[in-house]
Amino acid sequence: MKSVFLNAINGWIQSIKERNMKIHIIFAVIILIICIYLDMNQTELCLIYSAICMVLISEMLNTSIEGLCDLIDKNYNKSIEKIKDVSAGAVLLSVVYSLFIGYNIIFLKIIGVK
């Protein structure tokens, strides 16, 4: 029997196989590289890390919810469509939040605004 930790690692590996998660990870790596070059302070980095984690976590939950909905009913279902839309909306909200964080920390630092 696999441990809970190994199940969690497997879940993370499975999520990385999803196209949208790959996109989020690519952007996260780019942002982290930019942060290295901009010499971020600890508070700025914590905010950036939190924003990145929020996006990745919301994408993982969205993928799980969509998979569960597909398991329940593969045919068109108005209720399942609403559930999937709300789940995707949570991802969008986390991405918008991350963009605000990125703008307020990274972009303003690049253009020299304190």
N, C-alpha and C. Protein backbone atom coordinates (compact mmCIF):
# COMPACT_ATOMS: atom_id res chain seq x y z
N MET A 1 0.84 -1.19 0.00
CA MET A 1 0.00 0.00 0.00
C MET A 1 0.89 1.25 0.00
N LYS A 2 0.59 2.16 -0.91
CA LYS A 2 1.39 3.38 -0.99
C LYS A 2 1.05 4.30 0.19
N SER A 3 2.05 5.07 0.58
CA SER A 3 1.81 6.02 1.65
C SER A 3 1.05 7.23 1.12
N VAL A 4 0.48 7.99 2.03
CA VAL A 4 -0.24 9.20 1.66
C VAL A 4 0.71 10.16 0.96
N PHE A 5 1.95 10.23 1.41
CA PHE A 5 2.94 11.11 0.80
C PHE A 5 3.19 10.71 -0.65
N LEU A 6 3.35 9.42 -0.91
CA LEU A 6 3.57 8.96 -2.28
C LEU A 6 2.36 9.22 -3.16
N ASN A 7 1.16 9.07 -2.59
CA ASN A 7 -0.06 9.39 -3.35
C ASN A 7 -0.08 10.87 -3.73
N ALA A 8 0.33 11.71 -2.80
CA ALA A 8 0.36 13.15 -3.07
C ALA A 8 1.38 13.48 -4.15
N ILE A 9 2.55 12.86 -4.08
CA ILE A 9 3.57 13.08 -5.11
C ILE A 9 3.04 12.61 -6.47
N ASN A 10 2.38 11.48 -6.49
CA ASN A 10 1.80 10.97 -7.74
C ASN A 10 0.76 11.93 -8.28
N GLY A 11 -0.04 12.50 -7.40
CA GLY A 11 -1.03 13.49 -7.82
C GLY A 11 -0.38 14.70 -8.44
N TRP A 12 0.72 15.15 -7.86
CA TRP A 12 1.44 16.30 -8.40
C TRP A 12 2.01 15.96 -9.77
N ILE A 13 2.58 14.78 -9.89
CA ILE A 13 3.12 14.33 -11.18
C ILE A 13 2.01 14.26 -12.23
N GLN A 14 0.86 13.72 -11.84
CA GLN A 14 -0.27 13.64 -12.78
C GLN A 14 -0.72 15.03 -13.21
N SER A 15 -0.71 15.98 -12.29
CA SER A 15 -1.16 17.34 -12.64
C SER A 15 -0.19 18.01 -13.61
N ILE A 16 1.09 17.70 -13.49
CA ILE A 16 2.10 18.28 -14.39
C ILE A 16 1.88 17.82 -15.83
N LYS A 17 1.24 16.71 -16.02
CA LYS A 17 0.98 16.20 -17.37
C LYS A 17 -0.11 16.99 -18.09
N GLU A 18 -0.87 17.78 -17.35
CA GLU A 18 -1.95 18.57 -17.93
C GLU A 18 -1.38 19.80 -18.65
N ARG A 19 -1.94 20.12 -19.79
CA ARG A 19 -1.46 21.24 -20.62
C ARG A 19 -1.48 22.56 -19.86
N ASN A 20 -2.58 22.87 -19.20
CA ASN A 20 -2.68 24.15 -18.50
C ASN A 20 -1.67 24.26 -17.37
N MET A 21 -1.42 23.16 -16.69
CA MET A 21 -0.45 23.18 -15.60
C MET A 21 0.95 23.43 -16.15
N LYS A 22 1.25 22.84 -17.30
CA LYS A 22 2.55 23.10 -17.93
C LYS A 22 2.73 24.58 -18.23
N ILE A 23 1.68 25.20 -18.73
CA ILE A 23 1.72 26.63 -19.04
C ILE A 23 1.98 27.44 -17.77
N HIS A 24 1.25 27.12 -16.70
CA HIS A 24 1.44 27.83 -15.43
C HIS A 24 2.86 27.65 -14.90
N ILE A 25 3.39 26.46 -15.02
CA ILE A 25 4.75 26.19 -14.52
C ILE A 25 5.78 26.96 -15.35
N ILE A 26 5.60 27.01 -16.65
CA ILE A 26 6.54 27.77 -17.50
C ILE A 26 6.55 29.24 -17.08
N PHE A 27 5.37 29.82 -16.89
CA PHE A 27 5.31 31.22 -16.46
C PHE A 27 5.92 31.40 -15.07
N ALA A 28 5.69 30.44 -14.17
CA ALA A 28 6.26 30.53 -12.83
C ALA A 28 7.78 30.53 -12.88
N VAL A 29 8.35 29.66 -13.70
CA VAL A 29 9.81 29.61 -13.83
C VAL A 29 10.35 30.92 -14.39
N ILE A 30 9.67 31.46 -15.39
CA ILE A 30 10.10 32.75 -15.96
C ILE A 30 10.07 33.84 -14.89
N ILE A 31 9.00 33.89 -14.13
CA ILE A 31 8.88 34.89 -13.06
C ILE A 31 9.97 34.71 -12.02
N LEU A 32 10.25 33.49 -11.64
CA LEU A 32 11.30 33.24 -10.64
C LEU A 32 12.67 33.65 -11.17
N ILE A 33 12.94 33.43 -12.43
CA ILE A 33 14.21 33.87 -13.03
C ILE A 33 14.29 35.39 -12.99
N ILE A 34 13.20 36.06 -13.33
CA ILE A 34 13.17 37.52 -13.28
C ILE A 34 13.43 38.00 -11.84
N CYS A 35 12.84 37.32 -10.88
CA CYS A 35 13.04 37.70 -9.47
C CYS A 35 14.50 37.60 -9.06
N ILE A 36 15.20 36.61 -9.57
CA ILE A 36 16.63 36.46 -9.26
C ILE A 36 17.40 37.68 -9.77
N TYR A 37 17.10 38.10 -10.98
CA TYR A 37 17.81 39.24 -11.57
C TYR A 37 17.43 40.57 -10.94
N LEU A 38 16.24 40.66 -10.37
CA LEU A 38 15.80 41.92 -9.77
C LEU A 38 16.16 42.05 -8.30
N ASP A 39 16.82 41.04 -7.76
CA ASP A 39 17.26 41.08 -6.36
C ASP A 39 16.11 41.43 -5.41
N MET A 40 15.10 40.61 -5.43
CA MET A 40 13.91 40.82 -4.60
C MET A 40 14.24 40.65 -3.13
N ASN A 41 13.54 41.42 -2.28
CA ASN A 41 13.71 41.22 -0.84
C ASN A 41 12.81 40.07 -0.39
N GLN A 42 12.95 39.69 0.86
CA GLN A 42 12.25 38.51 1.36
C GLN A 42 10.73 38.66 1.29
N THR A 43 10.22 39.82 1.62
CA THR A 43 8.78 40.04 1.58
C THR A 43 8.25 39.95 0.16
N GLU A 44 8.96 40.56 -0.77
CA GLU A 44 8.54 40.50 -2.18
C GLU A 44 8.53 39.06 -2.68
N LEU A 45 9.58 38.32 -2.33
CA LEU A 45 9.64 36.92 -2.76
C LEU A 45 8.51 36.10 -2.16
N CYS A 46 8.19 36.33 -0.90
CA CYS A 46 7.10 35.59 -0.27
C CYS A 46 5.77 35.86 -0.97
N LEU A 47 5.54 37.10 -1.36
CA LEU A 47 4.31 37.42 -2.10
C LEU A 47 4.30 36.74 -3.47
N ILE A 48 5.43 36.77 -4.14
CA ILE A 48 5.52 36.11 -5.46
C ILE A 48 5.31 34.61 -5.30
N TYR A 49 5.98 33.98 -4.33
CA TYR A 49 5.81 32.54 -4.11
C TYR A 49 4.36 32.21 -3.79
N SER A 50 3.72 33.03 -2.96
CA SER A 50 2.32 32.79 -2.60
C SER A 50 1.41 32.87 -3.82
N ALA A 51 1.65 33.86 -4.67
CA ALA A 51 0.83 34.01 -5.88
C ALA A 51 1.02 32.81 -6.81
N ILE A 52 2.27 32.38 -6.97
CA ILE A 52 2.54 31.22 -7.82
C ILE A 52 1.86 29.97 -7.26
N CYS A 53 2.00 29.75 -5.97
CA CYS A 53 1.37 28.58 -5.35
C CYS A 53 -0.14 28.62 -5.48
N MET A 54 -0.73 29.81 -5.33
CA MET A 54 -2.18 29.93 -5.44
C MET A 54 -2.64 29.50 -6.84
N VAL A 55 -1.93 29.92 -7.85
CA VAL A 55 -2.31 29.55 -9.23
C VAL A 55 -2.17 28.04 -9.43
N LEU A 56 -1.04 27.49 -8.99
CA LEU A 56 -0.82 26.04 -9.18
C LEU A 56 -1.84 25.21 -8.40
N ILE A 57 -2.12 25.61 -7.17
CA ILE A 57 -3.11 24.88 -6.36
C ILE A 57 -4.49 24.97 -6.99
N SER A 58 -4.89 26.17 -7.42
CA SER A 58 -6.22 26.31 -8.02
C SER A 58 -6.33 25.51 -9.32
N GLU A 59 -5.24 25.45 -10.09
CA GLU A 59 -5.26 24.64 -11.31
C GLU A 59 -5.39 23.15 -10.98
N MET A 60 -4.70 22.71 -9.95
CA MET A 60 -4.81 21.30 -9.55
C MET A 60 -6.24 20.97 -9.09
N LEU A 61 -6.83 21.86 -8.31
CA LEU A 61 -8.20 21.63 -7.86
C LEU A 61 -9.18 21.67 -9.03
N ASN A 62 -8.98 22.59 -9.96
CA ASN A 62 -9.82 22.67 -11.15
C ASN A 62 -9.74 21.38 -11.96
N THR A 63 -8.53 20.88 -12.16
CA THR A 63 -8.35 19.64 -12.90
C THR A 63 -9.05 18.48 -12.19
N SER A 64 -8.95 18.44 -10.87
CA SER A 64 -9.62 17.38 -10.11
C SER A 64 -11.13 17.47 -10.23
N ILE A 65 -11.66 18.67 -10.10
CA ILE A 65 -13.11 18.86 -10.18
C ILE A 65 -13.61 18.50 -11.57
N GLU A 66 -12.90 18.94 -12.61
CA GLU A 66 -13.32 18.60 -13.97
C GLU A 66 -13.26 17.09 -14.21
N GLY A 67 -12.22 16.44 -13.70
CA GLY A 67 -12.13 14.99 -13.85
C GLY A 67 -13.26 14.26 -13.15
N LEU A 68 -13.60 14.72 -11.95
CA LEU A 68 -14.70 14.12 -11.21
C LEU A 68 -16.03 14.33 -11.93
N CYS A 69 -16.22 15.53 -12.46
CA CYS A 69 -17.46 15.81 -13.21
C CYS A 69 -17.56 14.91 -14.44
N ASP A 70 -16.45 14.73 -15.15
CA ASP A 70 -16.46 13.86 -16.33
C ASP A 70 -16.74 12.41 -15.95
N LEU A 71 -16.27 12.01 -14.79
CA LEU A 71 -16.53 10.65 -14.32
C LEU A 71 -18.02 10.46 -14.00
N ILE A 72 -18.64 11.51 -13.47
CA ILE A 72 -20.05 11.43 -13.12
C ILE A 72 -20.93 11.40 -14.36
N ASP A 73 -20.63 12.27 -15.33
CA ASP A 73 -21.48 12.36 -16.52
C ASP A 73 -20.67 12.93 -17.68
N LYS A 74 -20.39 12.11 -18.68
CA LYS A 74 -19.61 12.55 -19.84
C LYS A 74 -20.47 13.34 -20.83
N ASN A 75 -21.77 13.21 -20.74
CA ASN A 75 -22.68 13.94 -21.63
C ASN A 75 -22.87 15.36 -21.11
N TYR A 76 -23.43 16.21 -21.97
CA TYR A 76 -23.69 17.59 -21.54
C TYR A 76 -24.68 17.59 -20.39
N ASN A 77 -24.32 18.34 -19.38
CA ASN A 77 -25.17 18.46 -18.20
C ASN A 77 -25.04 19.90 -17.71
N LYS A 78 -26.16 20.61 -17.64
CA LYS A 78 -26.16 22.04 -17.27
C LYS A 78 -25.53 22.25 -15.89
N SER A 79 -25.82 21.40 -14.94
CA SER A 79 -25.27 21.54 -13.59
C SER A 79 -23.75 21.33 -13.58
N ILE A 80 -23.30 20.33 -14.33
CA ILE A 80 -21.87 20.06 -14.40
C ILE A 80 -21.15 21.19 -15.13
N GLU A 81 -21.78 21.74 -16.15
CA GLU A 81 -21.19 22.89 -16.84
C GLU A 81 -20.97 24.04 -15.86
N LYS A 82 -21.95 24.30 -15.02
CA LYS A 82 -21.83 25.38 -14.03
C LYS A 82 -20.70 25.10 -13.04
N ILE A 83 -20.61 23.86 -12.59
CA ILE A 83 -19.54 23.48 -11.65
C ILE A 83 -18.18 23.68 -12.30
N LYS A 84 -18.03 23.24 -13.54
CA LYS A 84 -16.75 23.40 -14.26
C LYS A 84 -16.43 24.88 -14.48
N ASP A 85 -17.44 25.67 -14.81
CA ASP A 85 -17.22 27.10 -15.03
C ASP A 85 -16.77 27.80 -13.76
N VAL A 86 -17.39 27.47 -12.65
CA VAL A 86 -17.00 28.07 -11.37
C VAL A 86 -15.58 27.67 -11.01
N SER A 87 -15.26 26.41 -11.23
CA SER A 87 -13.92 25.91 -10.95
C SER A 87 -12.87 26.62 -11.81
N ALA A 88 -13.16 26.77 -13.09
CA ALA A 88 -12.25 27.49 -13.98
C ALA A 88 -12.17 28.96 -13.60
N GLY A 89 -13.28 29.52 -13.12
CA GLY A 89 -13.28 30.90 -12.66
C GLY A 89 -12.35 31.11 -11.47
N ALA A 90 -12.24 30.11 -10.61
CA ALA A 90 -11.32 30.20 -9.48
C ALA A 90 -9.88 30.28 -9.96
N VAL A 91 -9.56 29.53 -11.00
CA VAL A 91 -8.21 29.60 -11.58
C VAL A 91 -7.99 30.98 -12.17
N LEU A 92 -8.96 31.49 -12.90
CA LEU A 92 -8.83 32.81 -13.50
C LEU A 92 -8.62 33.88 -12.41
N LEU A 93 -9.37 33.78 -11.34
CA LEU A 93 -9.21 34.74 -10.24
C LEU A 93 -7.81 34.69 -9.65
N SER A 94 -7.28 33.49 -9.46
CA SER A 94 -5.93 33.36 -8.92
C SER A 94 -4.88 33.91 -9.88
N VAL A 95 -5.11 33.75 -11.18
CA VAL A 95 -4.19 34.30 -12.18
C VAL A 95 -4.25 35.83 -12.17
N VAL A 96 -5.45 36.40 -12.09
CA VAL A 96 -5.59 37.85 -12.03
C VAL A 96 -4.90 38.39 -10.78
N TYR A 97 -5.11 37.73 -9.65
CA TYR A 97 -4.43 38.11 -8.41
C TYR A 97 -2.91 38.10 -8.61
N SER A 98 -2.41 37.07 -9.24
CA SER A 98 -0.97 36.96 -9.50
C SER A 98 -0.48 38.07 -10.41
N LEU A 99 -1.28 38.45 -11.38
CA LEU A 99 -0.91 39.56 -12.26
C LEU A 99 -0.82 40.87 -11.47
N PHE A 100 -1.74 41.09 -10.55
CA PHE A 100 -1.67 42.29 -9.70
C PHE A 100 -0.41 42.28 -8.85
N ILE A 101 -0.09 41.12 -8.28
CA ILE A 101 1.13 41.00 -7.48
C ILE A 101 2.34 41.27 -8.37
N GLY A 102 2.37 40.65 -9.54
CA GLY A 102 3.48 40.83 -10.46
C GLY A 102 3.64 42.28 -10.89
N TYR A 103 2.53 42.93 -11.16
CA TYR A 103 2.60 44.33 -11.57
C TYR A 103 3.16 45.18 -10.42
N ASN A 104 2.62 45.00 -9.23
CA ASN A 104 3.01 45.83 -8.10
C ASN A 104 4.42 45.58 -7.60
N ILE A 105 4.95 44.43 -7.86
CA ILE A 105 6.30 44.12 -7.38
C ILE A 105 7.30 44.13 -8.54
N ILE A 106 7.07 43.31 -9.53
CA ILE A 106 8.06 43.11 -10.59
C ILE A 106 8.08 44.28 -11.58
N PHE A 107 6.94 44.59 -12.15
CA PHE A 107 6.90 45.64 -13.18
C PHE A 107 7.35 46.99 -12.63
N LEU A 108 6.83 47.35 -11.45
CA LEU A 108 7.21 48.63 -10.87
C LEU A 108 8.68 48.68 -10.51
N LYS A 109 9.25 47.53 -10.14
CA LYS A 109 10.69 47.48 -9.86
C LYS A 109 11.49 47.64 -11.15
N ILE A 110 11.02 47.06 -12.23
CA ILE A 110 11.71 47.16 -13.51
C ILE A 110 11.75 48.61 -13.99
N ILE A 111 10.62 49.32 -13.84
CA ILE A 111 10.59 50.69 -14.33
C ILE A 111 11.14 51.69 -13.30
N GLY A 112 11.51 51.20 -12.12
CA GLY A 112 12.17 52.04 -11.13
C GLY A 112 11.26 52.78 -10.17
N VAL A 113 10.00 52.39 -10.09
CA VAL A 113 9.07 53.01 -9.14
C VAL A 113 9.20 52.28 -7.81
N LYS A 114 9.32 53.05 -6.74
CA LYS A 114 9.47 52.41 -5.42
C LYS A 114 8.19 52.30 -4.69
